[in-house]
Amino acid sequence: MTKSADGPVRAQVGVHEAKTRLSELLRAVDAGQEVEILRSGVPVARLVPVRDGGERVFGVDEGRFVLPADFDAPLPDRVLDDFAS
């Protein structure tokens, strides 16, 4: 196990070991630990606990974006030319 730059203690295991110890690794993740899966010594995946984002509130972003009145106006020729290239 190693301490990562961004915080928690992290276990590092190879792909084969991850396949054979998946249930054990998931228990460690469930306990809050992160597990990096390495292929040929290079990290390719990370198992992390699912974080509950809390209750979503409808309309919380109301008014943050206003659709411009000309949103469907034709694009200027200079912009259209970029698509033709």
C-alpha atoms as a PDB file:
ATOM      1  CA  MET A   1       0.000   0.000   0.000  1.00  0.00           C
ATOM      2  CA  THR A   2       1.133   3.502  -0.731  1.00  0.00           C
ATOM      3  CA  LYS A   3       0.042   6.973   0.299  1.00  0.00           C
ATOM      4  CA  SER A   4      -1.087   8.838  -2.803  1.00  0.00           C
ATOM      5  CA  ALA A   5      -0.437  12.500  -3.467  1.00  0.00           C
ATOM      6  CA  ASP A   6      -4.154  13.196  -3.203  1.00  0.00           C
ATOM      7  CA  GLY A   7      -4.719  11.563   0.166  1.00  0.00           C
ATOM      8  CA  PRO A   8      -5.910   8.083   1.066  1.00  0.00           C
ATOM      9  CA  VAL A   9      -3.802   4.987   1.441  1.00  0.00           C
ATOM     10  CA  ARG A  10      -3.994   3.129  -1.844  1.00  0.00           C
ATOM     11  CA  ALA A  11      -3.379  -0.543  -2.548  1.00  0.00           C
ATOM     12  CA  GLN A  12      -1.750  -1.375  -5.857  1.00  0.00           C
ATOM     13  CA  VAL A  13      -2.387  -4.756  -7.445  1.00  0.00           C
ATOM     14  CA  GLY A  14      -1.769  -6.307 -10.821  1.00  0.00           C
ATOM     15  CA  VAL A  15      -4.609  -7.257 -13.158  1.00  0.00           C
ATOM     16  CA  HIS A  16      -4.300 -10.998 -12.419  1.00  0.00           C
ATOM     17  CA  GLU A  17      -4.259 -10.412  -8.668  1.00  0.00           C
ATOM     18  CA  ALA A  18      -7.255  -8.080  -8.950  1.00  0.00           C
ATOM     19  CA  LYS A  19      -9.210 -10.792 -10.776  1.00  0.00           C
ATOM     20  CA  THR A  20      -8.399 -13.444  -8.199  1.00  0.00           C
ATOM     21  CA  ARG A  21      -8.951 -11.170  -5.150  1.00  0.00           C
ATOM     22  CA  LEU A  22     -11.860  -9.052  -6.413  1.00  0.00           C
ATOM     23  CA  SER A  23     -14.193  -9.790  -3.490  1.00  0.00           C
ATOM     24  CA  GLU A  24     -11.448  -8.944  -0.984  1.00  0.00           C
ATOM     25  CA  LEU A  25     -10.557  -5.751  -2.846  1.00  0.00           C
ATOM     26  CA  LEU A  26     -14.211  -4.687  -2.936  1.00  0.00           C
ATOM     27  CA  ARG A  27     -14.412  -5.130   0.844  1.00  0.00           C
ATOM     28  CA  ALA A  28     -11.354  -2.868   1.198  1.00  0.00           C
ATOM     29  CA  VAL A  29     -12.978  -0.287  -1.093  1.00  0.00           C
ATOM     30  CA  ASP A  30     -16.199  -0.561   0.900  1.00  0.00           C
ATOM     31  CA  ALA A  31     -14.126   0.313   3.976  1.00  0.00           C
ATOM     32  CA  GLY A  32     -12.915   3.500   2.253  1.00  0.00           C
ATOM     33  CA  GLN A  33      -9.625   2.364   0.732  1.00  0.00           C
ATOM     34  CA  GLU A  34      -8.717   2.986  -2.904  1.00  0.00           C
ATOM     35  CA  VAL A  35      -7.226   0.224  -5.053  1.00  0.00           C
ATOM     36  CA  GLU A  36      -5.150   0.901  -8.163  1.00  0.00           C
ATOM     37  CA  ILE A  37      -4.987  -1.836 -10.762  1.00  0.00           C
ATOM     38  CA  LEU A  38      -1.707  -1.997 -12.654  1.00  0.00           C
ATOM     39  CA  ARG A  39      -0.856  -3.564 -16.010  1.00  0.00           C
ATOM     40  CA  SER A  40       2.880  -4.107 -16.420  1.00  0.00           C
ATOM     41  CA  GLY A  41       3.458  -1.712 -13.520  1.00  0.00           C
ATOM     42  CA  VAL A  42       1.379   1.091 -15.071  1.00  0.00           C
ATOM     43  CA  PRO A  43      -1.893   2.168 -13.389  1.00  0.00           C
ATOM     44  CA  VAL A  44      -4.855   1.483 -15.690  1.00  0.00           C
ATOM     45  CA  ALA A  45      -7.836   1.635 -13.319  1.00  0.00           C
ATOM     46  CA  ARG A  46      -8.810   2.658  -9.824  1.00  0.00           C
ATOM     47  CA  LEU A  47     -11.471   1.153  -7.572  1.00  0.00           C
ATOM     48  CA  VAL A  48     -12.933   3.835  -5.316  1.00  0.00           C
ATOM     49  CA  PRO A  49     -15.957   3.940  -3.006  1.00  0.00           C
ATOM     50  CA  VAL A  50     -19.152   5.278  -4.520  1.00  0.00           C
ATOM     51  CA  ARG A  51     -19.878   8.623  -2.963  1.00  0.00           C
ATOM     52  CA  ASP A  52     -23.486   9.577  -2.379  1.00  0.00           C
ATOM     53  CA  GLY A  53     -24.030  12.907  -4.071  1.00  0.00           C
ATOM     54  CA  GLY A  54     -26.906  13.730  -1.754  1.00  0.00           C
ATOM     55  CA  GLU A  55     -30.442  14.542  -2.702  1.00  0.00           C
ATOM     56  CA  ARG A  56     -30.906  16.272  -6.037  1.00  0.00           C
ATOM     57  CA  VAL A  57     -33.074  19.367  -5.961  1.00  0.00           C
ATOM     58  CA  PHE A  58     -35.084  20.215  -9.059  1.00  0.00           C
ATOM     59  CA  GLY A  59     -34.604  23.785 -10.291  1.00  0.00           C
ATOM     60  CA  VAL A  60     -31.516  24.571  -8.212  1.00  0.00           C
ATOM     61  CA  ASP A  61     -29.774  26.072 -11.276  1.00  0.00           C
ATOM     62  CA  GLU A  62     -32.761  28.116 -12.426  1.00  0.00           C
ATOM     63  CA  GLY A  63     -31.642  31.432 -13.922  1.00  0.00           C
ATOM     64  CA  ARG A  64     -27.974  30.435 -14.294  1.00  0.00           C
ATOM     65  CA  PHE A  65     -28.305  30.260 -18.059  1.00  0.00           C
ATOM     66  CA  VAL A  66     -30.569  32.310 -20.290  1.00  0.00           C
ATOM     67  CA  LEU A  67     -31.139  31.069 -23.815  1.00  0.00           C
ATOM     68  CA  PRO A  68     -30.320  33.923 -26.214  1.00  0.00           C
ATOM     69  CA  ALA A  69     -33.176  35.065 -28.437  1.00  0.00           C
ATOM     70  CA  ASP A  70     -31.054  34.414 -31.545  1.00  0.00           C
ATOM     71  CA  PHE A  71     -29.892  30.921 -30.552  1.00  0.00           C
ATOM     72  CA  ASP A  72     -31.156  29.446 -33.824  1.00  0.00           C
ATOM     73  CA  ALA A  73     -29.909  32.238 -36.101  1.00  0.00           C
ATOM     74  CA  PRO A  74     -27.700  31.142 -39.016  1.00  0.00           C
ATOM     75  CA  LEU A  75     -24.001  30.987 -38.259  1.00  0.00           C
ATOM     76  CA  PRO A  76     -21.703  33.623 -39.784  1.00  0.00           C
ATOM     77  CA  ASP A  77     -19.882  32.581 -42.978  1.00  0.00           C
ATOM     78  CA  ARG A  78     -16.487  32.674 -41.203  1.00  0.00           C
ATOM     79  CA  VAL A  79     -17.705  30.007 -38.761  1.00  0.00           C
ATOM     80  CA  LEU A  80     -19.313  27.900 -41.478  1.00  0.00           C
ATOM     81  CA  ASP A  81     -16.045  28.007 -43.446  1.00  0.00           C
ATOM     82  CA  ASP A  82     -14.290  26.282 -40.541  1.00  0.00           C
ATOM     83  CA  PHE A  83     -16.661  23.330 -40.867  1.00  0.00           C
ATOM     84  CA  ALA A  84     -15.978  23.012 -44.583  1.00  0.00           C
ATOM     85  CA  SER A  85     -12.217  22.570 -44.084  1.00  0.00           C
END
